[in-house]
């Protein structure tokens, strides 16, 4: 049986306005901590679940987006691509969406009672992984959301997790950037990764090493750089290595932000693209084909993943289920432009 706000107010011994104030802002200073604890206890005893109507207005269908990132979101083209697809699906299905400001820990939302209070007010959740996300922390967050019967889908996390709808883009034999560079005759292939402990870096680094091993190319640790996912860091790291005499004929870069720094570092050190160094990037925002030279890339179907994940979330909401184990798999593609060329010798 659905417990009304009036019933909750009567049990606590306060007005509906006090309950509403707390639901709208659990951190409000207008209610004492003792009263907040009393409201929480009564909610638990009655099994009260805050409704959208209680916090965000009558008849609203809203999906919460949990993207635990403390930097400007929209300078990262991956976020834009995901959101394009999410917006198309949710708007077509009559849903709004909102970014929740939640505390973060180890690259995931810290799902404390205040966060859960916020999240329970929405129809469902789209949860993003970040460069900092560790598997144990992500699993813990998903378990908490599932225990609270909150429909959730997961995006931007490359490892396959159980009991969740998850959108994943993958490389296959038709889209293997290191294999492609090897096919052009390159053997000294550098890898520009993000932070070493990032799950995204680890997944692509494993593919890099596997491709080298398959081609019989010895792994050279001096060709592995960590650009921290930022252009200025990649520029600095690559410049330092080039000045130190490190040489390679091809470079794989795992983010567009870092690639911009790599382009600059190569050119400032007198290296031509692709005559001296072939460059291929992981990700393909609109401007890559207008660079000098136009950039060869791995194209990621992120808009499609966002769209289909949001579609599945709407399906879960309509069926009243909060947990489905299903993976939305999309295949990456190679876009070959003028930044890569056949190896002609160092």
C-alpha atoms as a PDB file:
ATOM      1  CA  UNK A   1       0.000   0.000   0.000  1.00  0.00           C
ATOM      2  CA  UNK A   2       1.314   3.445  -0.927  1.00  0.00           C
ATOM      3  CA  UNK A   3       1.971   5.524   2.177  1.00  0.00           C
ATOM      4  CA  UNK A   4       0.879   9.145   1.843  1.00  0.00           C
ATOM      5  CA  UNK A   5       2.846  12.151   3.007  1.00  0.00           C
ATOM      6  CA  UNK A   6      -0.045  12.980   5.331  1.00  0.00           C
ATOM      7  CA  UNK A   7       0.277   9.570   7.009  1.00  0.00           C
ATOM      8  CA  UNK A   8       4.017  10.107   7.448  1.00  0.00           C
ATOM      9  CA  UNK A   9       3.444  13.597   8.900  1.00  0.00           C
ATOM     10  CA  UNK A  10       0.927  12.226  11.390  1.00  0.00           C
ATOM     11  CA  UNK A  11       3.335   9.535  12.577  1.00  0.00           C
ATOM     12  CA  UNK A  12       6.145  12.059  13.063  1.00  0.00           C
ATOM     13  CA  UNK A  13       3.806  14.613  14.603  1.00  0.00           C
ATOM     14  CA  UNK A  14       4.616  17.474  12.247  1.00  0.00           C
ATOM     15  CA  UNK A  15       2.923  19.225   9.342  1.00  0.00           C
ATOM     16  CA  UNK A  16       3.043  18.062   5.716  1.00  0.00           C
ATOM     17  CA  UNK A  17       4.982  21.257   4.992  1.00  0.00           C
ATOM     18  CA  UNK A  18       7.799  20.111   7.300  1.00  0.00           C
ATOM     19  CA  UNK A  19       7.929  16.719   5.592  1.00  0.00           C
ATOM     20  CA  UNK A  20       7.896  18.377   2.168  1.00  0.00           C
ATOM     21  CA  UNK A  21      10.698  20.729   3.194  1.00  0.00           C
ATOM     22  CA  UNK A  22      12.835  17.793   4.275  1.00  0.00           C
ATOM     23  CA  UNK A  23      12.138  15.816   1.096  1.00  0.00           C
ATOM     24  CA  UNK A  24      13.063  18.777  -1.072  1.00  0.00           C
ATOM     25  CA  UNK A  25      16.320  19.416   0.812  1.00  0.00           C
ATOM     26  CA  UNK A  26      17.465  16.759   3.329  1.00  0.00           C
ATOM     27  CA  UNK A  27      20.362  19.044   4.310  1.00  0.00           C
ATOM     28  CA  UNK A  28      18.150  22.015   5.184  1.00  0.00           C
ATOM     29  CA  UNK A  29      19.074  23.966   8.325  1.00  0.00           C
ATOM     30  CA  UNK A  30      15.409  24.834   8.932  1.00  0.00           C
ATOM     31  CA  UNK A  31      14.814  21.409  10.499  1.00  0.00           C
ATOM     32  CA  UNK A  32      16.783  20.150  13.501  1.00  0.00           C
ATOM     33  CA  UNK A  33      18.987  17.088  13.199  1.00  0.00           C
ATOM     34  CA  UNK A  34      16.868  15.343  15.814  1.00  0.00           C
ATOM     35  CA  UNK A  35      13.728  15.939  13.749  1.00  0.00           C
ATOM     36  CA  UNK A  36      15.474  14.730  10.594  1.00  0.00           C
ATOM     37  CA  UNK A  37      16.352  11.485  12.360  1.00  0.00           C
ATOM     38  CA  UNK A  38      12.751  11.137  13.528  1.00  0.00           C
ATOM     39  CA  UNK A  39      11.476  11.612   9.969  1.00  0.00           C
ATOM     40  CA  UNK A  40      14.014   9.081   8.652  1.00  0.00           C
ATOM     41  CA  UNK A  41      12.981   6.540  11.285  1.00  0.00           C
ATOM     42  CA  UNK A  42       9.285   6.996  10.499  1.00  0.00           C
ATOM     43  CA  UNK A  43       9.962   6.646   6.756  1.00  0.00           C
ATOM     44  CA  UNK A  44      11.785   3.387   7.396  1.00  0.00           C
ATOM     45  CA  UNK A  45       9.079   1.991   9.677  1.00  0.00           C
ATOM     46  CA  UNK A  46       6.272   2.883   7.272  1.00  0.00           C
ATOM     47  CA  UNK A  47       8.191   1.969   4.131  1.00  0.00           C
ATOM     48  CA  UNK A  48       7.553   5.451   2.781  1.00  0.00           C
ATOM     49  CA  UNK A  49       9.021   6.189  -0.653  1.00  0.00           C
ATOM     50  CA  UNK A  50       9.219   9.876  -1.694  1.00  0.00           C
ATOM     51  CA  UNK A  51       7.395  10.537  -4.938  1.00  0.00           C
ATOM     52  CA  UNK A  52       8.221  12.825  -7.805  1.00  0.00           C
ATOM     53  CA  UNK A  53       5.104  14.785  -6.910  1.00  0.00           C
ATOM     54  CA  UNK A  54       6.482  15.422  -3.419  1.00  0.00           C
ATOM     55  CA  UNK A  55       9.678  17.000  -4.677  1.00  0.00           C
ATOM     56  CA  UNK A  56       9.507  17.990  -8.321  1.00  0.00           C
ATOM     57  CA  UNK A  57       5.908  18.713  -9.204  1.00  0.00           C
ATOM     58  CA  UNK A  58       2.782  16.905 -10.235  1.00  0.00           C
ATOM     59  CA  UNK A  59       2.948  14.412 -13.089  1.00  0.00           C
ATOM     60  CA  UNK A  60       6.651  14.780 -13.886  1.00  0.00           C
ATOM     61  CA  UNK A  61       8.518  11.846 -15.424  1.00  0.00           C
ATOM     62  CA  UNK A  62      12.172  12.472 -14.713  1.00  0.00           C
ATOM     63  CA  UNK A  63      15.328  10.377 -15.019  1.00  0.00           C
ATOM     64  CA  UNK A  64      18.289  11.229 -12.804  1.00  0.00           C
ATOM     65  CA  UNK A  65      21.783  11.192 -14.309  1.00  0.00           C
ATOM     66  CA  UNK A  66      24.561  10.357 -11.882  1.00  0.00           C
ATOM     67  CA  UNK A  67      27.825  11.451 -13.434  1.00  0.00           C
ATOM     68  CA  UNK A  68      30.307  11.723 -10.559  1.00  0.00           C
ATOM     69  CA  UNK A  69      32.806  14.108 -12.071  1.00  0.00           C
ATOM     70  CA  UNK A  70      34.170  17.265 -10.473  1.00  0.00           C
ATOM     71  CA  UNK A  71      35.380  18.873 -13.717  1.00  0.00           C
ATOM     72  CA  UNK A  72      33.394  20.682 -16.448  1.00  0.00           C
ATOM     73  CA  UNK A  73      31.385  17.910 -18.089  1.00  0.00           C
ATOM     74  CA  UNK A  74      30.718  19.354 -21.486  1.00  0.00           C
ATOM     75  CA  UNK A  75      34.312  19.924 -22.555  1.00  0.00           C
ATOM     76  CA  UNK A  76      34.559  16.144 -22.953  1.00  0.00           C
ATOM     77  CA  UNK A  77      33.130  15.038 -26.282  1.00  0.00           C
ATOM     78  CA  UNK A  78      32.293  11.564 -24.948  1.00  0.00           C
ATOM     79  CA  UNK A  79      29.764  13.054 -22.534  1.00  0.00           C
ATOM     80  CA  UNK A  80      28.181  15.122 -25.311  1.00  0.00           C
ATOM     81  CA  UNK A  81      27.799  12.079 -27.556  1.00  0.00           C
ATOM     82  CA  UNK A  82      26.179   9.969 -24.845  1.00  0.00           C
ATOM     83  CA  UNK A  83      23.805  12.784 -23.897  1.00  0.00           C
ATOM     84  CA  UNK A  84      22.701  13.345 -27.490  1.00  0.00           C
ATOM     85  CA  UNK A  85      21.365   9.795 -27.610  1.00  0.00           C
ATOM     86  CA  UNK A  86      19.925   9.902 -24.087  1.00  0.00           C
ATOM     87  CA  UNK A  87      18.043  13.114 -24.815  1.00  0.00           C
ATOM     88  CA  UNK A  88      16.558  11.784 -28.062  1.00  0.00           C
ATOM     89  CA  UNK A  89      15.197   8.682 -26.344  1.00  0.00           C
ATOM     90  CA  UNK A  90      13.912  10.288 -23.160  1.00  0.00           C
ATOM     91  CA  UNK A  91      12.252  13.231 -24.889  1.00  0.00           C
ATOM     92  CA  UNK A  92      10.583  10.891 -27.390  1.00  0.00           C
ATOM     93  CA  UNK A  93       9.210   8.896 -24.441  1.00  0.00           C
ATOM     94  CA  UNK A  94       7.945  11.955 -22.572  1.00  0.00           C
ATOM     95  CA  UNK A  95      10.716  12.055 -19.943  1.00  0.00           C
ATOM     96  CA  UNK A  96      12.861  14.884 -18.647  1.00  0.00           C
ATOM     97  CA  UNK A  97      16.309  14.329 -17.204  1.00  0.00           C
ATOM     98  CA  UNK A  98      18.337  16.096 -14.570  1.00  0.00           C
ATOM     99  CA  UNK A  99      21.945  15.970 -13.351  1.00  0.00           C
ATOM    100  CA  UNK A 100      22.089  15.318  -9.629  1.00  0.00           C
ATOM    101  CA  UNK A 101      24.741  17.038  -7.550  1.00  0.00           C
ATOM    102  CA  UNK A 102      25.915  14.171  -5.351  1.00  0.00           C
ATOM    103  CA  UNK A 103      29.072  13.554  -3.315  1.00  0.00           C
ATOM    104  CA  UNK A 104      31.613  11.285  -4.960  1.00  0.00           C
ATOM    105  CA  UNK A 105      34.148   8.758  -3.735  1.00  0.00           C
ATOM    106  CA  UNK A 106      36.606   6.753  -5.862  1.00  0.00           C
ATOM    107  CA  UNK A 107      34.913   7.775  -9.100  1.00  0.00           C
ATOM    108  CA  UNK A 108      31.362   6.761  -8.129  1.00  0.00           C
ATOM    109  CA  UNK A 109      28.509   8.513  -6.303  1.00  0.00           C
ATOM    110  CA  UNK A 110      28.590   8.135  -2.543  1.00  0.00           C
ATOM    111  CA  UNK A 111      25.140   6.699  -2.028  1.00  0.00           C
ATOM    112  CA  UNK A 112      24.444   7.902   1.493  1.00  0.00           C
ATOM    113  CA  UNK A 113      20.950   8.488   2.856  1.00  0.00           C
ATOM    114  CA  UNK A 114      20.779  11.995   1.380  1.00  0.00           C
ATOM    115  CA  UNK A 115      21.719  10.727  -2.098  1.00  0.00           C
ATOM    116  CA  UNK A 116      19.216   7.881  -1.845  1.00  0.00           C
ATOM    117  CA  UNK A 117      16.547  10.354  -0.778  1.00  0.00           C
ATOM    118  CA  UNK A 118      17.203  12.341  -3.929  1.00  0.00           C
ATOM    119  CA  UNK A 119      17.411   9.332  -6.222  1.00  0.00           C
ATOM    120  CA  UNK A 120      14.211   7.692  -4.947  1.00  0.00           C
ATOM    121  CA  UNK A 121      12.283  10.703  -6.172  1.00  0.00           C
ATOM    122  CA  UNK A 122      12.996   9.902  -9.811  1.00  0.00           C
ATOM    123  CA  UNK A 123      11.641   7.328 -12.203  1.00  0.00           C
ATOM    124  CA  UNK A 124      15.066   5.788 -12.817  1.00  0.00           C
ATOM    125  CA  UNK A 125      18.803   6.418 -12.967  1.00  0.00           C
ATOM    126  CA  UNK A 126      21.448   6.558 -15.689  1.00  0.00           C
ATOM    127  CA  UNK A 127      24.774   5.920 -13.970  1.00  0.00           C
ATOM    128  CA  UNK A 128      28.076   6.894 -15.592  1.00  0.00           C
ATOM    129  CA  UNK A 129      31.475   5.470 -14.825  1.00  0.00           C
ATOM    130  CA  UNK A 130      34.466   7.815 -14.845  1.00  0.00           C
ATOM    131  CA  UNK A 131      38.196   7.544 -15.372  1.00  0.00           C
ATOM    132  CA  UNK A 132      38.564   7.040 -11.606  1.00  0.00           C
ATOM    133  CA  UNK A 133      35.961   4.307 -11.161  1.00  0.00           C
ATOM    134  CA  UNK A 134      37.108   1.058  -9.550  1.00  0.00           C
ATOM    135  CA  UNK A 135      35.116  -2.133 -10.000  1.00  0.00           C
ATOM    136  CA  UNK A 136      34.401  -2.856  -6.320  1.00  0.00           C
ATOM    137  CA  UNK A 137      33.043   0.650  -5.815  1.00  0.00           C
ATOM    138  CA  UNK A 138      30.826   0.464  -8.894  1.00  0.00           C
ATOM    139  CA  UNK A 139      29.430  -2.915  -7.828  1.00  0.00           C
ATOM    140  CA  UNK A 140      28.664  -1.529  -4.351  1.00  0.00           C
ATOM    141  CA  UNK A 141      26.756   1.439  -5.810  1.00  0.00           C
ATOM    142  CA  UNK A 142      24.758  -0.803  -8.138  1.00  0.00           C
ATOM    143  CA  UNK A 143      23.894  -3.155  -5.285  1.00  0.00           C
ATOM    144  CA  UNK A 144      22.625  -0.242  -3.182  1.00  0.00           C
ATOM    145  CA  UNK A 145      20.447   1.040  -6.024  1.00  0.00           C
ATOM    146  CA  UNK A 146      19.105  -2.461  -6.688  1.00  0.00           C
ATOM    147  CA  UNK A 147      18.307  -3.007  -3.003  1.00  0.00           C
ATOM    148  CA  UNK A 148      16.341   0.246  -3.083  1.00  0.00           C
ATOM    149  CA  UNK A 149      14.394  -0.990  -6.148  1.00  0.00           C
ATOM    150  CA  UNK A 150      15.643   1.879  -8.298  1.00  0.00           C
ATOM    151  CA  UNK A 151      15.767   1.127 -12.072  1.00  0.00           C
ATOM    152  CA  UNK A 152      19.288   1.799 -13.328  1.00  0.00           C
ATOM    153  CA  UNK A 153      21.396   1.458 -16.479  1.00  0.00           C
ATOM    154  CA  UNK A 154      25.184   1.833 -16.664  1.00  0.00           C
ATOM    155  CA  UNK A 155      27.240   3.737 -19.257  1.00  0.00           C
ATOM    156  CA  UNK A 156      30.908   4.639 -19.819  1.00  0.00           C
ATOM    157  CA  UNK A 157      32.292   1.635 -17.994  1.00  0.00           C
ATOM    158  CA  UNK A 158      34.244  -0.891 -20.095  1.00  0.00           C
ATOM    159  CA  UNK A 159      34.165  -3.934 -17.802  1.00  0.00           C
ATOM    160  CA  UNK A 160      31.146  -6.244 -17.957  1.00  0.00           C
ATOM    161  CA  UNK A 161      29.213  -6.296 -14.664  1.00  0.00           C
ATOM    162  CA  UNK A 162      26.397  -8.598 -13.623  1.00  0.00           C
ATOM    163  CA  UNK A 163      22.719  -7.801 -13.018  1.00  0.00           C
ATOM    164  CA  UNK A 164      22.616  -4.459 -14.786  1.00  0.00           C
ATOM    165  CA  UNK A 165      21.697  -3.126 -18.204  1.00  0.00           C
ATOM    166  CA  UNK A 166      25.016  -1.852 -19.502  1.00  0.00           C
ATOM    167  CA  UNK A 167      25.960  -0.130 -22.754  1.00  0.00           C
ATOM    168  CA  UNK A 168      29.421  -1.108 -24.025  1.00  0.00           C
ATOM    169  CA  UNK A 169      31.367  -0.279 -27.189  1.00  0.00           C
ATOM    170  CA  UNK A 170      33.960  -2.833 -28.296  1.00  0.00           C
ATOM    171  CA  UNK A 171      36.729  -3.269 -30.841  1.00  0.00           C
ATOM    172  CA  UNK A 172      36.754  -6.363 -33.036  1.00  0.00           C
ATOM    173  CA  UNK A 173      38.854  -7.703 -35.909  1.00  0.00           C
ATOM    174  CA  UNK A 174      37.372  -5.054 -38.214  1.00  0.00           C
ATOM    175  CA  UNK A 175      38.349  -2.293 -35.789  1.00  0.00           C
ATOM    176  CA  UNK A 176      41.728  -2.976 -34.232  1.00  0.00           C
ATOM    177  CA  UNK A 177      43.821   0.205 -34.335  1.00  0.00           C
ATOM    178  CA  UNK A 178      47.131  -1.379 -33.327  1.00  0.00           C
ATOM    179  CA  UNK A 179      46.636  -4.201 -35.823  1.00  0.00           C
ATOM    180  CA  UNK A 180      46.006  -1.550 -38.466  1.00  0.00           C
ATOM    181  CA  UNK A 181      49.240   0.272 -37.636  1.00  0.00           C
ATOM    182  CA  UNK A 182      51.126  -3.035 -37.750  1.00  0.00           C
ATOM    183  CA  UNK A 183      49.604  -3.737 -41.176  1.00  0.00           C
ATOM    184  CA  UNK A 184      51.180  -0.473 -42.377  1.00  0.00           C
ATOM    185  CA  UNK A 185      54.596  -1.787 -41.332  1.00  0.00           C
ATOM    186  CA  UNK A 186      54.953   0.007 -37.993  1.00  0.00           C
ATOM    187  CA  UNK A 187      56.754  -1.820 -35.189  1.00  0.00           C
ATOM    188  CA  UNK A 188      57.685   0.960 -32.773  1.00  0.00           C
ATOM    189  CA  UNK A 189      54.180   1.965 -31.772  1.00  0.00           C
ATOM    190  CA  UNK A 190      53.739   4.293 -28.796  1.00  0.00           C
ATOM    191  CA  UNK A 191      50.735   4.228 -26.464  1.00  0.00           C
ATOM    192  CA  UNK A 192      49.406   7.450 -24.915  1.00  0.00           C
ATOM    193  CA  UNK A 193      47.143   6.365 -22.063  1.00  0.00           C
ATOM    194  CA  UNK A 194      45.324   8.222 -19.339  1.00  0.00           C
ATOM    195  CA  UNK A 195      46.060   7.605 -15.679  1.00  0.00           C
ATOM    196  CA  UNK A 196      47.643   4.153 -15.182  1.00  0.00           C
ATOM    197  CA  UNK A 197      45.028   2.971 -12.666  1.00  0.00           C
ATOM    198  CA  UNK A 198      42.040   3.945 -14.824  1.00  0.00           C
ATOM    199  CA  UNK A 199      39.944   0.969 -15.906  1.00  0.00           C
ATOM    200  CA  UNK A 200      39.605   2.601 -19.332  1.00  0.00           C
ATOM    201  CA  UNK A 201      43.400   2.821 -19.674  1.00  0.00           C
ATOM    202  CA  UNK A 202      43.838  -0.770 -18.514  1.00  0.00           C
ATOM    203  CA  UNK A 203      41.353  -2.155 -21.064  1.00  0.00           C
ATOM    204  CA  UNK A 204      42.957  -0.354 -24.028  1.00  0.00           C
ATOM    205  CA  UNK A 205      46.486  -1.087 -22.779  1.00  0.00           C
ATOM    206  CA  UNK A 206      45.645  -4.798 -22.674  1.00  0.00           C
ATOM    207  CA  UNK A 207      44.446  -4.574 -26.296  1.00  0.00           C
ATOM    208  CA  UNK A 208      47.669  -2.762 -27.221  1.00  0.00           C
ATOM    209  CA  UNK A 209      49.903  -5.418 -25.654  1.00  0.00           C
ATOM    210  CA  UNK A 210      47.817  -8.235 -27.122  1.00  0.00           C
ATOM    211  CA  UNK A 211      48.149  -6.801 -30.633  1.00  0.00           C
ATOM    212  CA  UNK A 212      51.899  -6.399 -30.255  1.00  0.00           C
ATOM    213  CA  UNK A 213      52.259  -9.961 -28.995  1.00  0.00           C
ATOM    214  CA  UNK A 214      50.132 -11.316 -31.848  1.00  0.00           C
ATOM    215  CA  UNK A 215      52.401  -9.516 -34.331  1.00  0.00           C
ATOM    216  CA  UNK A 216      55.570 -10.789 -32.647  1.00  0.00           C
ATOM    217  CA  UNK A 217      56.630  -7.274 -31.627  1.00  0.00           C
ATOM    218  CA  UNK A 218      58.490  -7.103 -28.287  1.00  0.00           C
ATOM    219  CA  UNK A 219      56.851  -4.863 -25.699  1.00  0.00           C
ATOM    220  CA  UNK A 220      58.877  -1.718 -24.987  1.00  0.00           C
ATOM    221  CA  UNK A 221      57.929   0.036 -21.757  1.00  0.00           C
ATOM    222  CA  UNK A 222      59.651   3.231 -22.900  1.00  0.00           C
ATOM    223  CA  UNK A 223      56.888   3.663 -25.499  1.00  0.00           C
ATOM    224  CA  UNK A 224      54.093   3.783 -22.904  1.00  0.00           C
ATOM    225  CA  UNK A 225      53.122   7.302 -21.811  1.00  0.00           C
ATOM    226  CA  UNK A 226      50.532   8.514 -19.311  1.00  0.00           C
ATOM    227  CA  UNK A 227      48.847  11.734 -20.346  1.00  0.00           C
ATOM    228  CA  UNK A 228      46.303  11.897 -17.543  1.00  0.00           C
ATOM    229  CA  UNK A 229      43.444  12.316 -20.062  1.00  0.00           C
ATOM    230  CA  UNK A 230      44.387  15.992 -20.495  1.00  0.00           C
ATOM    231  CA  UNK A 231      45.935  17.825 -23.438  1.00  0.00           C
ATOM    232  CA  UNK A 232      48.486  19.800 -21.458  1.00  0.00           C
ATOM    233  CA  UNK A 233      49.750  16.671 -19.654  1.00  0.00           C
ATOM    234  CA  UNK A 234      50.026  14.641 -22.870  1.00  0.00           C
ATOM    235  CA  UNK A 235      51.864  17.532 -24.528  1.00  0.00           C
ATOM    236  CA  UNK A 236      54.338  17.789 -21.649  1.00  0.00           C
ATOM    237  CA  UNK A 237      54.960  14.037 -21.348  1.00  0.00           C
ATOM    238  CA  UNK A 238      55.432  13.511 -25.079  1.00  0.00           C
ATOM    239  CA  UNK A 239      57.659  16.578 -25.441  1.00  0.00           C
ATOM    240  CA  UNK A 240      59.904  15.413 -22.603  1.00  0.00           C
ATOM    241  CA  UNK A 241      60.275  11.944 -24.125  1.00  0.00           C
ATOM    242  CA  UNK A 242      60.983  13.253 -27.605  1.00  0.00           C
ATOM    243  CA  UNK A 243      63.664  15.602 -26.241  1.00  0.00           C
ATOM    244  CA  UNK A 244      65.122  12.614 -24.372  1.00  0.00           C
ATOM    245  CA  UNK A 245      65.551  10.793 -27.685  1.00  0.00           C
ATOM    246  CA  UNK A 246      62.618   8.343 -27.531  1.00  0.00           C
ATOM    247  CA  UNK A 247      61.568   7.550 -31.103  1.00  0.00           C
ATOM    248  CA  UNK A 248      58.613   5.736 -32.610  1.00  0.00           C
ATOM    249  CA  UNK A 249      56.928   5.624 -35.999  1.00  0.00           C
ATOM    250  CA  UNK A 250      53.309   5.491 -34.817  1.00  0.00           C
ATOM    251  CA  UNK A 251      51.276   6.721 -31.869  1.00  0.00           C
ATOM    252  CA  UNK A 252      47.954   5.459 -30.517  1.00  0.00           C
ATOM    253  CA  UNK A 253      46.221   8.033 -28.307  1.00  0.00           C
ATOM    254  CA  UNK A 254      43.234   7.046 -26.179  1.00  0.00           C
ATOM    255  CA  UNK A 255      41.455  10.402 -25.884  1.00  0.00           C
ATOM    256  CA  UNK A 256      40.897  13.435 -28.073  1.00  0.00           C
ATOM    257  CA  UNK A 257      41.921  15.834 -25.310  1.00  0.00           C
ATOM    258  CA  UNK A 258      45.339  14.148 -25.136  1.00  0.00           C
ATOM    259  CA  UNK A 259      45.614  13.850 -28.902  1.00  0.00           C
ATOM    260  CA  UNK A 260      45.482  17.652 -29.310  1.00  0.00           C
ATOM    261  CA  UNK A 261      48.491  17.897 -27.013  1.00  0.00           C
ATOM    262  CA  UNK A 262      50.276  15.123 -28.927  1.00  0.00           C
ATOM    263  CA  UNK A 263      49.751  16.868 -32.271  1.00  0.00           C
ATOM    264  CA  UNK A 264      51.312  20.002 -30.855  1.00  0.00           C
ATOM    265  CA  UNK A 265      54.256  18.169 -29.258  1.00  0.00           C
ATOM    266  CA  UNK A 266      55.097  16.255 -32.438  1.00  0.00           C
ATOM    267  CA  UNK A 267      55.026  19.351 -34.620  1.00  0.00           C
ATOM    268  CA  UNK A 268      57.023  21.487 -32.181  1.00  0.00           C
ATOM    269  CA  UNK A 269      59.698  18.779 -32.143  1.00  0.00           C
ATOM    270  CA  UNK A 270      60.000  18.865 -35.921  1.00  0.00           C
ATOM    271  CA  UNK A 271      58.092  15.648 -36.629  1.00  0.00           C
ATOM    272  CA  UNK A 272      55.664  15.525 -39.536  1.00  0.00           C
ATOM    273  CA  UNK A 273      52.327  13.694 -39.395  1.00  0.00           C
ATOM    274  CA  UNK A 274      52.184  11.118 -40.980  1.00  0.00           C
ATOM    275  CA  UNK A 275      55.535  11.230 -42.801  1.00  0.00           C
ATOM    276  CA  UNK A 276      57.522  10.797 -39.563  1.00  0.00           C
ATOM    277  CA  UNK A 277      54.854   9.613 -37.121  1.00  0.00           C
ATOM    278  CA  UNK A 278      51.453   8.111 -37.870  1.00  0.00           C
ATOM    279  CA  UNK A 279      48.760   9.051 -35.326  1.00  0.00           C
ATOM    280  CA  UNK A 280      45.474   7.307 -34.586  1.00  0.00           C
ATOM    281  CA  UNK A 281      42.999   8.402 -31.915  1.00  0.00           C
ATOM    282  CA  UNK A 282      40.347   6.688 -29.795  1.00  0.00           C
ATOM    283  CA  UNK A 283      37.251   8.823 -30.337  1.00  0.00           C
ATOM    284  CA  UNK A 284      35.997  10.911 -33.213  1.00  0.00           C
ATOM    285  CA  UNK A 285      34.379  14.271 -32.404  1.00  0.00           C
ATOM    286  CA  UNK A 286      33.286  16.310 -35.415  1.00  0.00           C
ATOM    287  CA  UNK A 287      36.429  18.445 -35.656  1.00  0.00           C
ATOM    288  CA  UNK A 288      38.949  15.604 -36.087  1.00  0.00           C
ATOM    289  CA  UNK A 289      38.488  15.484 -39.856  1.00  0.00           C
ATOM    290  CA  UNK A 290      39.340  19.211 -40.032  1.00  0.00           C
ATOM    291  CA  UNK A 291      42.689  18.930 -38.244  1.00  0.00           C
ATOM    292  CA  UNK A 292      45.957  19.266 -40.152  1.00  0.00           C
ATOM    293  CA  UNK A 293      46.245  16.526 -41.212  1.00  0.00           C
ATOM    294  CA  UNK A 294      42.747  15.025 -40.768  1.00  0.00           C
ATOM    295  CA  UNK A 295      42.915  12.472 -37.957  1.00  0.00           C
ATOM    296  CA  UNK A 296      42.484   8.711 -38.306  1.00  0.00           C
ATOM    297  CA  UNK A 297      40.268   7.533 -35.461  1.00  0.00           C
ATOM    298  CA  UNK A 298      38.356   4.775 -33.773  1.00  0.00           C
ATOM    299  CA  UNK A 299      34.743   5.913 -34.044  1.00  0.00           C
ATOM    300  CA  UNK A 300      32.719   5.139 -30.896  1.00  0.00           C
ATOM    301  CA  UNK A 301      28.921   4.658 -31.223  1.00  0.00           C
ATOM    302  CA  UNK A 302      28.242   6.542 -28.003  1.00  0.00           C
ATOM    303  CA  UNK A 303      25.098   8.347 -29.136  1.00  0.00           C
ATOM    304  CA  UNK A 304      23.566   4.991 -30.080  1.00  0.00           C
ATOM    305  CA  UNK A 305      24.566   3.516 -26.729  1.00  0.00           C
ATOM    306  CA  UNK A 306      23.019   6.461 -24.901  1.00  0.00           C
ATOM    307  CA  UNK A 307      19.818   6.182 -26.916  1.00  0.00           C
ATOM    308  CA  UNK A 308      19.391   2.430 -26.524  1.00  0.00           C
ATOM    309  CA  UNK A 309      20.291   2.466 -22.827  1.00  0.00           C
ATOM    310  CA  UNK A 310      17.698   5.148 -22.173  1.00  0.00           C
ATOM    311  CA  UNK A 311      15.145   3.114 -24.156  1.00  0.00           C
ATOM    312  CA  UNK A 312      15.806   0.094 -21.937  1.00  0.00           C
ATOM    313  CA  UNK A 313      15.524   2.233 -18.811  1.00  0.00           C
ATOM    314  CA  UNK A 314      12.109   3.463 -19.928  1.00  0.00           C
ATOM    315  CA  UNK A 315      11.119  -0.175 -20.538  1.00  0.00           C
ATOM    316  CA  UNK A 316      12.206  -1.138 -17.004  1.00  0.00           C
ATOM    317  CA  UNK A 317      10.234   1.736 -15.527  1.00  0.00           C
ATOM    318  CA  UNK A 318       7.115   0.770 -17.488  1.00  0.00           C
ATOM    319  CA  UNK A 319       7.376  -2.833 -16.260  1.00  0.00           C
ATOM    320  CA  UNK A 320       8.078  -1.864 -12.667  1.00  0.00           C
ATOM    321  CA  UNK A 321      11.405  -3.716 -12.523  1.00  0.00           C
ATOM    322  CA  UNK A 322      14.683  -2.370 -11.192  1.00  0.00           C
ATOM    323  CA  UNK A 323      17.245  -5.012 -12.158  1.00  0.00           C
ATOM    324  CA  UNK A 324      17.872  -6.732 -15.514  1.00  0.00           C
ATOM    325  CA  UNK A 325      21.094  -8.401 -16.632  1.00  0.00           C
ATOM    326  CA  UNK A 326      21.458  -7.309 -20.265  1.00  0.00           C
ATOM    327  CA  UNK A 327      24.336  -5.903 -22.280  1.00  0.00           C
ATOM    328  CA  UNK A 328      23.895  -3.464 -25.173  1.00  0.00           C
ATOM    329  CA  UNK A 329      26.940  -4.171 -27.352  1.00  0.00           C
ATOM    330  CA  UNK A 330      27.918  -1.779 -30.154  1.00  0.00           C
ATOM    331  CA  UNK A 331      30.974  -2.220 -32.362  1.00  0.00           C
ATOM    332  CA  UNK A 332      33.508   0.530 -32.953  1.00  0.00           C
ATOM    333  CA  UNK A 333      34.648   1.379 -36.482  1.00  0.00           C
ATOM    334  CA  UNK A 334      37.866   2.730 -37.992  1.00  0.00           C
ATOM    335  CA  UNK A 335      37.863   6.014 -39.868  1.00  0.00           C
ATOM    336  CA  UNK A 336      41.086   6.149 -41.910  1.00  0.00           C
ATOM    337  CA  UNK A 337      42.177   9.669 -42.825  1.00  0.00           C
ATOM    338  CA  UNK A 338      45.512  11.351 -43.546  1.00  0.00           C
ATOM    339  CA  UNK A 339      47.256  11.089 -40.161  1.00  0.00           C
ATOM    340  CA  UNK A 340      48.361   7.489 -40.823  1.00  0.00           C
ATOM    341  CA  UNK A 341      50.619   6.180 -43.578  1.00  0.00           C
ATOM    342  CA  UNK A 342      52.762   3.213 -44.589  1.00  0.00           C
ATOM    343  CA  UNK A 343      56.008   2.993 -42.625  1.00  0.00           C
ATOM    344  CA  UNK A 344      58.995   3.943 -44.768  1.00  0.00           C
ATOM    345  CA  UNK A 345      61.755   3.749 -42.130  1.00  0.00           C
ATOM    346  CA  UNK A 346      62.891   5.771 -39.128  1.00  0.00           C
END
